[in-house]
Protein backbone atom coordinates (compact mmCIF):
# COMPACT_ATOMS: atom_id res chain seq x y z
CA MET A 1 119.26 80.18 -247.88
CA LYS A 2 120.68 83.68 -247.52
CA THR A 3 124.45 84.23 -247.41
CA HIS A 4 124.42 85.43 -243.81
CA ARG A 5 122.75 82.19 -242.71
CA VAL A 6 125.37 80.14 -244.56
CA ASN A 7 128.11 82.09 -242.87
CA GLU A 8 126.45 81.78 -239.46
CA LEU A 9 126.08 78.02 -239.88
CA ILE A 10 129.71 77.62 -240.96
CA GLU A 11 130.95 79.73 -238.07
CA LEU A 12 128.97 77.61 -235.59
CA LEU A 13 129.77 74.30 -237.28
CA HIS A 14 133.54 74.73 -237.65
CA PRO A 15 134.63 74.70 -233.98
CA GLU A 16 132.21 71.87 -233.06
CA TRP A 17 133.34 69.76 -236.04
CA GLN A 18 136.98 70.24 -234.96
CA LYS A 19 136.16 68.57 -231.63
CA ASP A 20 135.19 65.43 -233.63
CA PRO A 21 137.68 65.40 -236.50
CA ASP A 22 137.15 61.67 -237.23
CA PHE A 23 133.63 62.35 -238.56
CA ASN A 24 133.02 63.23 -242.16
CA LEU A 25 130.55 66.09 -242.76
CA LEU A 26 127.53 63.88 -243.37
CA ALA A 27 128.24 61.74 -240.28
CA PHE A 28 128.70 64.86 -238.16
CA LEU A 29 125.38 66.38 -239.46
CA LYS A 30 123.66 63.10 -238.60
CA LYS A 31 125.13 63.23 -235.10
CA LEU A 32 123.88 66.79 -234.64
CA ALA A 33 120.40 65.81 -235.89
CA GLU A 34 120.23 62.96 -233.45
CA GLU A 35 121.34 65.17 -230.58
CA ALA A 36 118.61 67.65 -231.54
CA LYS A 37 116.08 64.77 -231.47
CA TYR A 38 115.37 65.24 -235.20
CA THR A 39 113.79 62.05 -236.55
CA GLY A 40 112.98 62.96 -240.18
CA PRO A 41 115.12 62.25 -243.22
CA LEU A 42 118.51 64.03 -243.18
CA GLU A 43 117.77 65.86 -246.45
CA ASP A 44 114.83 67.59 -244.78
CA LEU A 45 116.94 68.87 -241.85
CA THR A 46 116.62 72.64 -241.86
CA ASP A 47 119.39 75.13 -241.26
CA ASP A 48 117.32 76.54 -238.35
CA VAL A 49 117.54 73.22 -236.48
CA LEU A 50 121.32 73.11 -236.98
CA ILE A 51 121.88 76.76 -236.04
CA TYR A 52 119.84 76.64 -232.85
CA HIS A 53 121.18 73.26 -231.83
CA LEU A 54 124.78 74.44 -232.36
CA LYS A 55 124.07 77.64 -230.41
CA MET A 56 122.55 75.68 -227.50
CA ARG A 57 124.76 72.59 -227.68
CA ASN A 58 127.24 73.63 -224.96
CA SER A 59 124.83 75.65 -222.82
CA GLU A 60 122.98 74.70 -219.66
CA LYS A 61 119.88 72.58 -220.12
CA ASP A 62 117.60 75.33 -218.74
CA ALA A 63 119.25 78.17 -220.67
CA MET A 64 116.92 80.32 -222.75
CA ILE A 65 117.07 80.11 -226.55
CA PRO A 66 119.12 83.13 -227.77
CA GLY A 67 116.38 84.41 -230.11
CA LEU A 68 113.84 84.41 -227.27
CA ALA A 69 116.00 85.89 -224.56
CA LYS A 70 115.86 89.38 -226.03
CA ASP A 71 112.07 89.39 -225.88
CA CYS A 72 111.72 87.96 -222.40
CA GLU A 73 110.11 90.04 -219.68
CA ASN A 74 110.32 89.01 -216.07
CA ASP A 75 107.31 91.09 -215.04
CA PHE A 76 103.92 90.11 -216.47
CA LYS A 77 102.53 93.66 -216.22
CA THR A 78 105.44 95.09 -218.19
CA ALA A 79 105.11 92.34 -220.83
CA LEU A 80 101.39 93.06 -221.23
CA LEU A 81 101.88 96.79 -221.54
CA ARG A 82 104.68 96.31 -224.05
CA ALA A 83 102.57 93.87 -226.10
CA ARG A 84 99.75 96.42 -226.23
CA GLY A 85 102.16 99.11 -227.39
CA ILE A 86 101.67 101.34 -224.35
CA ILE A 87 105.36 101.25 -223.43
CA ARG A 88 108.43 100.53 -225.53
């Protein structure tokens, strides 16, 4: 895992963990995994699952994922032209 991903995960994890100070780290990670509907073994939980879940945890249910919002086009014609490289 790259250093910037570690820093991002810690920045996202810290304020959320402070809301539940009675949990130890492993118990809090398990709680996050359950909230994210992750069913695999905890040691296989990826940093991507944690980062996106923490980013979306306090947002509206129909809110767009942050990484996808920048690429979203409301107009199909514009999206098609952009995908073909005709417009930027």
